[in-house]
Amino acid sequence: MLSDIAIVEVPARTVLMLAATTTMESLGDALSRLFPELCVRAAGLGLTPVGAPFTRYGATQADGSMEIEACLTVEGDVDCAGGECLQLGACRAAMVSHFGDYSTLGDAHFALGEFVRRERLETAGLCWEEYVTDPGAEPDPAKWETRVYWPVK
């Protein structure tokens, strides 16, 4: 199930990030490895994660591989010179909430694509999925919320 699509203003933020190359079939395994590692890194740097973890998506290649960035928004002083973090600028984005297991998240991306075309908007950067519900805390996939964002001009 999808919410109505809204245009939202996303504030600037600092994120810890781990990049990986994966496929759609192994995405869940990759994220299951990357997010705990990000939490360990945040704790080691004395940083506090704020908000939900999210994944930014690069283009999918002809061989089915794709570049992803697993991200945690953090509070505190962070030196981004080492490449572990990103300063993400504020942006305007089309956003839809998806309710249910991850197997139907493609529906949210499809709906956003249709919305962007219908409203004659231009995309402006990498899309991302924000995992509002922690599957470890909520075992019922029907109750999972994932917000999908497409930055737009």
C-alpha atoms as a PDB file:
ATOM      1  CA  MET A   1       0.000   0.000   0.000  1.00  0.00           C
ATOM      2  CA  LEU A   2       1.215   3.508  -0.847  1.00  0.00           C
ATOM      3  CA  SER A   3       0.464   6.899   0.654  1.00  0.00           C
ATOM      4  CA  ASP A   4      -0.276   9.936  -1.447  1.00  0.00           C
ATOM      5  CA  ILE A   5       2.838  11.433  -3.016  1.00  0.00           C
ATOM      6  CA  ALA A   6       4.002  14.738  -1.541  1.00  0.00           C
ATOM      7  CA  ILE A   7       6.703  17.256  -2.355  1.00  0.00           C
ATOM      8  CA  VAL A   8       8.798  17.718   0.793  1.00  0.00           C
ATOM      9  CA  GLU A   9      11.767  19.834   1.839  1.00  0.00           C
ATOM     10  CA  VAL A  10      14.605  17.668   3.154  1.00  0.00           C
ATOM     11  CA  PRO A  11      17.062  19.488   5.463  1.00  0.00           C
ATOM     12  CA  ALA A  12      20.836  19.361   5.096  1.00  0.00           C
ATOM     13  CA  ARG A  13      22.446  16.618   7.137  1.00  0.00           C
ATOM     14  CA  THR A  14      25.643  14.771   7.867  1.00  0.00           C
ATOM     15  CA  VAL A  15      25.616  11.030   7.275  1.00  0.00           C
ATOM     16  CA  LEU A  16      27.972   8.148   7.865  1.00  0.00           C
ATOM     17  CA  MET A  17      28.059   6.067   4.711  1.00  0.00           C
ATOM     18  CA  LEU A  18      29.285   2.696   3.515  1.00  0.00           C
ATOM     19  CA  ALA A  19      29.227   2.057  -0.236  1.00  0.00           C
ATOM     20  CA  ALA A  20      28.892  -1.333  -1.883  1.00  0.00           C
ATOM     21  CA  THR A  21      28.197  -2.939  -5.224  1.00  0.00           C
ATOM     22  CA  THR A  22      25.385  -5.474  -5.123  1.00  0.00           C
ATOM     23  CA  THR A  23      22.472  -6.855  -7.104  1.00  0.00           C
ATOM     24  CA  MET A  24      18.759  -6.690  -6.393  1.00  0.00           C
ATOM     25  CA  GLU A  25      18.864 -10.356  -5.359  1.00  0.00           C
ATOM     26  CA  SER A  26      21.614  -9.776  -2.773  1.00  0.00           C
ATOM     27  CA  LEU A  27      20.547  -6.290  -1.642  1.00  0.00           C
ATOM     28  CA  GLY A  28      18.996  -7.491   1.625  1.00  0.00           C
ATOM     29  CA  ASP A  29      22.134  -9.424   2.553  1.00  0.00           C
ATOM     30  CA  ALA A  30      24.330  -6.417   1.758  1.00  0.00           C
ATOM     31  CA  LEU A  31      22.235  -4.054   3.875  1.00  0.00           C
ATOM     32  CA  SER A  32      22.043  -6.592   6.735  1.00  0.00           C
ATOM     33  CA  ARG A  33      25.846  -6.434   6.827  1.00  0.00           C
ATOM     34  CA  LEU A  34      26.320  -2.689   6.203  1.00  0.00           C
ATOM     35  CA  PHE A  35      23.875  -1.163   8.708  1.00  0.00           C
ATOM     36  CA  PRO A  36      25.282  -2.929  11.805  1.00  0.00           C
ATOM     37  CA  GLU A  37      28.781  -1.941  10.675  1.00  0.00           C
ATOM     38  CA  LEU A  38      27.627   1.685  10.389  1.00  0.00           C
ATOM     39  CA  CYS A  39      26.246   1.569  13.934  1.00  0.00           C
ATOM     40  CA  VAL A  40      29.562   0.236  15.249  1.00  0.00           C
ATOM     41  CA  ARG A  41      31.441   3.006  13.401  1.00  0.00           C
ATOM     42  CA  ALA A  42      29.102   5.692  14.741  1.00  0.00           C
ATOM     43  CA  ALA A  43      29.597   4.442  18.306  1.00  0.00           C
ATOM     44  CA  GLY A  44      33.372   4.285  17.795  1.00  0.00           C
ATOM     45  CA  LEU A  45      33.385   7.906  16.647  1.00  0.00           C
ATOM     46  CA  GLY A  46      31.157   8.997  19.530  1.00  0.00           C
ATOM     47  CA  LEU A  47      28.343   9.959  17.170  1.00  0.00           C
ATOM     48  CA  THR A  48      24.635   9.599  17.783  1.00  0.00           C
ATOM     49  CA  PRO A  49      22.480   8.312  14.898  1.00  0.00           C
ATOM     50  CA  VAL A  50      19.295  10.354  14.413  1.00  0.00           C
ATOM     51  CA  GLY A  51      16.307   9.342  12.360  1.00  0.00           C
ATOM     52  CA  ALA A  52      15.879   6.227  10.299  1.00  0.00           C
ATOM     53  CA  PRO A  53      18.677   4.527   8.344  1.00  0.00           C
ATOM     54  CA  PHE A  54      18.450   4.902   4.587  1.00  0.00           C
ATOM     55  CA  THR A  55      19.952   3.619   1.354  1.00  0.00           C
ATOM     56  CA  ARG A  56      20.874   5.779  -1.637  1.00  0.00           C
ATOM     57  CA  TYR A  57      20.793   4.094  -5.034  1.00  0.00           C
ATOM     58  CA  GLY A  58      23.015   4.650  -8.048  1.00  0.00           C
ATOM     59  CA  ALA A  59      22.262   3.417 -11.532  1.00  0.00           C
ATOM     60  CA  THR A  60      21.755  -0.268 -12.213  1.00  0.00           C
ATOM     61  CA  GLN A  61      24.288  -1.572 -14.734  1.00  0.00           C
ATOM     62  CA  ALA A  62      23.622  -3.849 -17.713  1.00  0.00           C
ATOM     63  CA  ASP A  63      24.940  -6.839 -15.741  1.00  0.00           C
ATOM     64  CA  GLY A  64      22.373  -6.205 -12.966  1.00  0.00           C
ATOM     65  CA  SER A  65      24.863  -4.775 -10.492  1.00  0.00           C
ATOM     66  CA  MET A  66      24.180  -1.490  -8.720  1.00  0.00           C
ATOM     67  CA  GLU A  67      26.019   0.923  -6.492  1.00  0.00           C
ATOM     68  CA  ILE A  68      24.409   1.562  -3.123  1.00  0.00           C
ATOM     69  CA  GLU A  69      25.242   3.710  -0.131  1.00  0.00           C
ATOM     70  CA  ALA A  70      23.958   2.577   3.263  1.00  0.00           C
ATOM     71  CA  CYS A  71      23.609   5.734   5.391  1.00  0.00           C
ATOM     72  CA  LEU A  72      22.968   6.866   8.959  1.00  0.00           C
ATOM     73  CA  THR A  73      22.244  10.514   9.746  1.00  0.00           C
ATOM     74  CA  VAL A  74      24.392  11.515  12.729  1.00  0.00           C
ATOM     75  CA  GLU A  75      24.689  14.348  15.227  1.00  0.00           C
ATOM     76  CA  GLY A  76      28.034  15.637  16.379  1.00  0.00           C
ATOM     77  CA  ASP A  77      31.254  16.920  14.896  1.00  0.00           C
ATOM     78  CA  VAL A  78      32.348  14.751  12.019  1.00  0.00           C
ATOM     79  CA  ASP A  79      35.449  15.102   9.882  1.00  0.00           C
ATOM     80  CA  CYS A  80      34.314  14.054   6.422  1.00  0.00           C
ATOM     81  CA  ALA A  81      37.835  14.190   4.994  1.00  0.00           C
ATOM     82  CA  GLY A  82      38.271  10.438   5.540  1.00  0.00           C
ATOM     83  CA  GLY A  83      35.442   9.527   3.164  1.00  0.00           C
ATOM     84  CA  GLU A  84      33.304   7.817   5.826  1.00  0.00           C
ATOM     85  CA  CYS A  85      30.724  10.543   5.754  1.00  0.00           C
ATOM     86  CA  LEU A  86      28.852  12.837   3.421  1.00  0.00           C
ATOM     87  CA  GLN A  87      27.454  16.305   3.819  1.00  0.00           C
ATOM     88  CA  LEU A  88      24.093  16.091   2.063  1.00  0.00           C
ATOM     89  CA  GLY A  89      22.647  19.450   1.143  1.00  0.00           C
ATOM     90  CA  ALA A  90      19.036  20.408   1.634  1.00  0.00           C
ATOM     91  CA  CYS A  91      16.813  19.404  -1.260  1.00  0.00           C
ATOM     92  CA  ARG A  92      13.258  19.238  -2.494  1.00  0.00           C
ATOM     93  CA  ALA A  93      11.978  15.696  -3.086  1.00  0.00           C
ATOM     94  CA  ALA A  94       8.909  13.767  -4.173  1.00  0.00           C
ATOM     95  CA  MET A  95       8.160  11.312  -1.359  1.00  0.00           C
ATOM     96  CA  VAL A  96       5.813   8.385  -0.925  1.00  0.00           C
ATOM     97  CA  SER A  97       5.394   6.031   2.030  1.00  0.00           C
ATOM     98  CA  HIS A  98       5.252   2.324   1.235  1.00  0.00           C
ATOM     99  CA  PHE A  99       3.603  -0.017   3.739  1.00  0.00           C
ATOM    100  CA  GLY A 100       4.452  -3.704   3.578  1.00  0.00           C
ATOM    101  CA  ASP A 101       7.384  -5.991   2.957  1.00  0.00           C
ATOM    102  CA  TYR A 102      10.275  -4.907   0.793  1.00  0.00           C
ATOM    103  CA  SER A 103       9.318  -7.116  -2.153  1.00  0.00           C
ATOM    104  CA  THR A 104       6.840  -4.486  -3.393  1.00  0.00           C
ATOM    105  CA  LEU A 105       9.029  -1.389  -2.942  1.00  0.00           C
ATOM    106  CA  GLY A 106       9.346  -1.229  -6.715  1.00  0.00           C
ATOM    107  CA  ASP A 107       5.715  -0.061  -6.771  1.00  0.00           C
ATOM    108  CA  ALA A 108       6.729   3.068  -4.838  1.00  0.00           C
ATOM    109  CA  HIS A 109       9.526   3.848  -7.295  1.00  0.00           C
ATOM    110  CA  PHE A 110       7.184   3.287 -10.233  1.00  0.00           C
ATOM    111  CA  ALA A 111       4.563   5.615  -8.688  1.00  0.00           C
ATOM    112  CA  LEU A 112       7.196   8.307  -8.129  1.00  0.00           C
ATOM    113  CA  GLY A 113       8.388   7.977 -11.723  1.00  0.00           C
ATOM    114  CA  GLU A 114       4.842   8.431 -12.991  1.00  0.00           C
ATOM    115  CA  PHE A 115       4.335  11.424 -10.680  1.00  0.00           C
ATOM    116  CA  VAL A 116       7.564  13.097 -11.816  1.00  0.00           C
ATOM    117  CA  ARG A 117       6.583  12.655 -15.476  1.00  0.00           C
ATOM    118  CA  ARG A 118       2.985  13.810 -14.959  1.00  0.00           C
ATOM    119  CA  GLU A 119       4.072  16.906 -13.001  1.00  0.00           C
ATOM    120  CA  ARG A 120       6.897  17.609 -15.490  1.00  0.00           C
ATOM    121  CA  LEU A 121       9.550  17.639 -12.792  1.00  0.00           C
ATOM    122  CA  GLU A 122      13.248  16.904 -13.240  1.00  0.00           C
ATOM    123  CA  THR A 123      15.068  14.504 -10.957  1.00  0.00           C
ATOM    124  CA  ALA A 124      18.026  16.022  -9.158  1.00  0.00           C
ATOM    125  CA  GLY A 125      20.256  13.367  -7.637  1.00  0.00           C
ATOM    126  CA  LEU A 126      20.201   9.893  -6.160  1.00  0.00           C
ATOM    127  CA  CYS A 127      16.932   8.460  -4.894  1.00  0.00           C
ATOM    128  CA  TRP A 128      16.809   6.884  -1.456  1.00  0.00           C
ATOM    129  CA  GLU A 129      14.718   4.616   0.742  1.00  0.00           C
ATOM    130  CA  GLU A 130      14.327   5.490   4.420  1.00  0.00           C
ATOM    131  CA  TYR A 131      13.513   2.486   6.619  1.00  0.00           C
ATOM    132  CA  VAL A 132      11.094   3.958   9.175  1.00  0.00           C
ATOM    133  CA  THR A 133      10.184   0.610  10.731  1.00  0.00           C
ATOM    134  CA  ASP A 134      12.891  -1.673  12.092  1.00  0.00           C
ATOM    135  CA  PRO A 135      12.012  -5.245  11.010  1.00  0.00           C
ATOM    136  CA  GLY A 136      13.864  -6.497  14.106  1.00  0.00           C
ATOM    137  CA  ALA A 137      11.403  -4.620  16.326  1.00  0.00           C
ATOM    138  CA  GLU A 138       8.274  -5.246  14.202  1.00  0.00           C
ATOM    139  CA  PRO A 139       8.020  -8.831  12.925  1.00  0.00           C
ATOM    140  CA  ASP A 140       4.829  -8.218  10.906  1.00  0.00           C
ATOM    141  CA  PRO A 141       5.907  -7.047   7.416  1.00  0.00           C
ATOM    142  CA  ALA A 142       2.433  -5.599   6.798  1.00  0.00           C
ATOM    143  CA  LYS A 143       3.298  -2.931   9.412  1.00  0.00           C
ATOM    144  CA  TRP A 144       6.638  -1.896   7.899  1.00  0.00           C
ATOM    145  CA  GLU A 145       6.890   1.657   6.577  1.00  0.00           C
ATOM    146  CA  THR A 146       9.536   2.692   4.077  1.00  0.00           C
ATOM    147  CA  ARG A 147       9.649   6.235   2.710  1.00  0.00           C
ATOM    148  CA  VAL A 148      10.960   6.545  -0.827  1.00  0.00           C
ATOM    149  CA  TYR A 149      12.395   9.885  -1.960  1.00  0.00           C
ATOM    150  CA  TRP A 150      13.260  11.199  -5.405  1.00  0.00           C
ATOM    151  CA  PRO A 151      15.027  14.579  -5.329  1.00  0.00           C
ATOM    152  CA  VAL A 152      13.443  16.972  -7.844  1.00  0.00           C
ATOM    153  CA  LYS A 153      14.096  20.439  -9.222  1.00  0.00           C
END
